[in-house]
Amino acid sequence: MIVTAAKHPQELWVTIEDTDIGFAAEHLPHLLTRFYRVDKSRSRAGGGSGIGLTITKHLIEAHGGRVWAGSDGVDHGSTFGFALPVA
């Protein structure tokens, strides 16, 4: 896992990159949707409830920021990031 932070003119950008399983492009529009899970076969007991990214999105947006996610496909890891305004 690689975590980076960089100051841009009006924002602080933080990105988290991993080498985990990643996800197909078809899931990208839904990743920040409440209760959405990429792996539908996982139960709540063993795979979470699908609200973590939604909570993250709402917290970041409540502070005037934005959130994004991406992946080059299954077995190619994922990148998640957020930007917050700086004073």
Protein backbone atom coordinates (compact mmCIF):
# COMPACT_ATOMS: atom_id res chain seq x y z
CA MET A 1 0.00 0.00 0.00
CA ILE A 2 1.26 3.47 -0.88
CA VAL A 3 -0.17 6.60 0.73
CA THR A 4 0.77 9.99 -0.70
CA ALA A 5 -0.18 13.56 0.12
CA ALA A 6 0.46 16.59 -2.04
CA LYS A 7 -0.47 20.24 -1.72
CA HIS A 8 -1.98 21.76 -4.81
CA PRO A 9 -2.77 25.49 -5.09
CA GLN A 10 -6.20 25.28 -3.44
CA GLU A 11 -6.34 21.70 -2.12
CA LEU A 12 -4.54 18.96 -0.26
CA TRP A 13 -4.73 15.67 -2.19
CA VAL A 14 -4.36 12.32 -0.43
CA THR A 15 -4.22 9.08 -2.41
CA ILE A 16 -4.10 5.47 -1.27
CA GLU A 17 -2.91 2.88 -3.79
CA ASP A 18 -3.00 -0.85 -3.18
CA THR A 19 -2.10 -4.02 -5.06
CA ASP A 20 -5.20 -5.90 -3.91
CA ILE A 21 -7.74 -7.41 -6.31
CA GLY A 22 -9.00 -4.15 -7.83
CA PHE A 23 -12.35 -3.96 -9.60
CA ALA A 24 -13.84 -3.86 -13.07
CA ALA A 25 -14.73 -0.49 -14.65
CA GLU A 26 -18.45 -1.33 -14.48
CA HIS A 27 -18.32 -0.93 -10.67
CA LEU A 28 -16.75 2.53 -10.66
CA PRO A 29 -20.01 4.55 -10.86
CA HIS A 30 -21.39 2.63 -7.85
CA LEU A 31 -18.44 2.40 -5.45
CA LEU A 32 -19.51 5.39 -3.37
CA THR A 33 -23.16 4.32 -3.28
CA ARG A 34 -24.54 3.17 0.05
CA PHE A 35 -24.72 -0.62 0.49
CA TYR A 36 -22.96 -1.32 -2.83
CA ARG A 37 -20.56 -4.26 -2.74
CA VAL A 38 -18.42 -5.31 -5.70
CA ASP A 39 -18.39 -8.95 -4.56
CA LYS A 40 -22.08 -9.83 -4.25
CA SER A 41 -21.25 -13.28 -2.87
CA ARG A 42 -19.84 -11.83 0.36
CA SER A 43 -22.18 -11.70 3.31
CA ARG A 44 -22.41 -8.76 5.69
CA ALA A 45 -20.88 -10.92 8.39
CA GLY A 46 -17.81 -11.66 6.28
CA GLY A 47 -17.55 -8.73 3.93
CA GLY A 48 -18.84 -5.54 5.43
CA SER A 49 -22.08 -3.70 4.88
CA GLY A 50 -21.08 -1.53 1.94
CA ILE A 51 -21.25 1.80 3.76
CA GLY A 52 -17.59 2.63 4.47
CA LEU A 53 -16.90 4.53 1.26
CA THR A 54 -20.26 6.29 1.47
CA ILE A 55 -19.47 7.54 4.97
CA THR A 56 -16.04 8.66 3.77
CA LYS A 57 -17.61 10.52 0.84
CA HIS A 58 -20.09 12.35 3.06
CA LEU A 59 -17.44 13.34 5.62
CA ILE A 60 -15.06 14.68 2.98
CA GLU A 61 -17.84 16.54 1.14
CA ALA A 62 -19.08 18.04 4.42
CA HIS A 63 -15.66 19.69 4.67
CA GLY A 64 -15.82 21.04 1.11
CA GLY A 65 -13.78 18.25 -0.45
CA ARG A 66 -14.23 15.53 -3.01
CA VAL A 67 -13.51 11.80 -3.26
CA TRP A 68 -12.53 9.56 -6.18
CA ALA A 69 -11.69 5.94 -6.88
CA GLY A 70 -10.15 4.02 -9.73
CA SER A 71 -8.70 0.71 -10.80
CA ASP A 72 -6.99 -0.62 -13.91
CA GLY A 73 -9.16 -3.72 -13.59
CA VAL A 74 -9.41 -6.93 -11.65
CA ASP A 75 -6.04 -8.08 -10.25
CA HIS A 76 -4.49 -4.63 -10.85
CA GLY A 77 -5.13 -2.94 -7.51
CA SER A 78 -7.13 0.17 -6.70
CA THR A 79 -6.56 3.84 -6.06
CA PHE A 80 -8.72 5.87 -3.72
CA GLY A 81 -8.24 9.52 -3.05
CA PHE A 82 -9.69 12.66 -1.63
CA ALA A 83 -9.04 16.37 -1.82
CA LEU A 84 -9.72 18.93 0.88
CA PRO A 85 -9.59 22.71 0.48
CA VAL A 86 -6.69 24.48 2.18
CA ALA A 87 -6.84 27.90 3.78
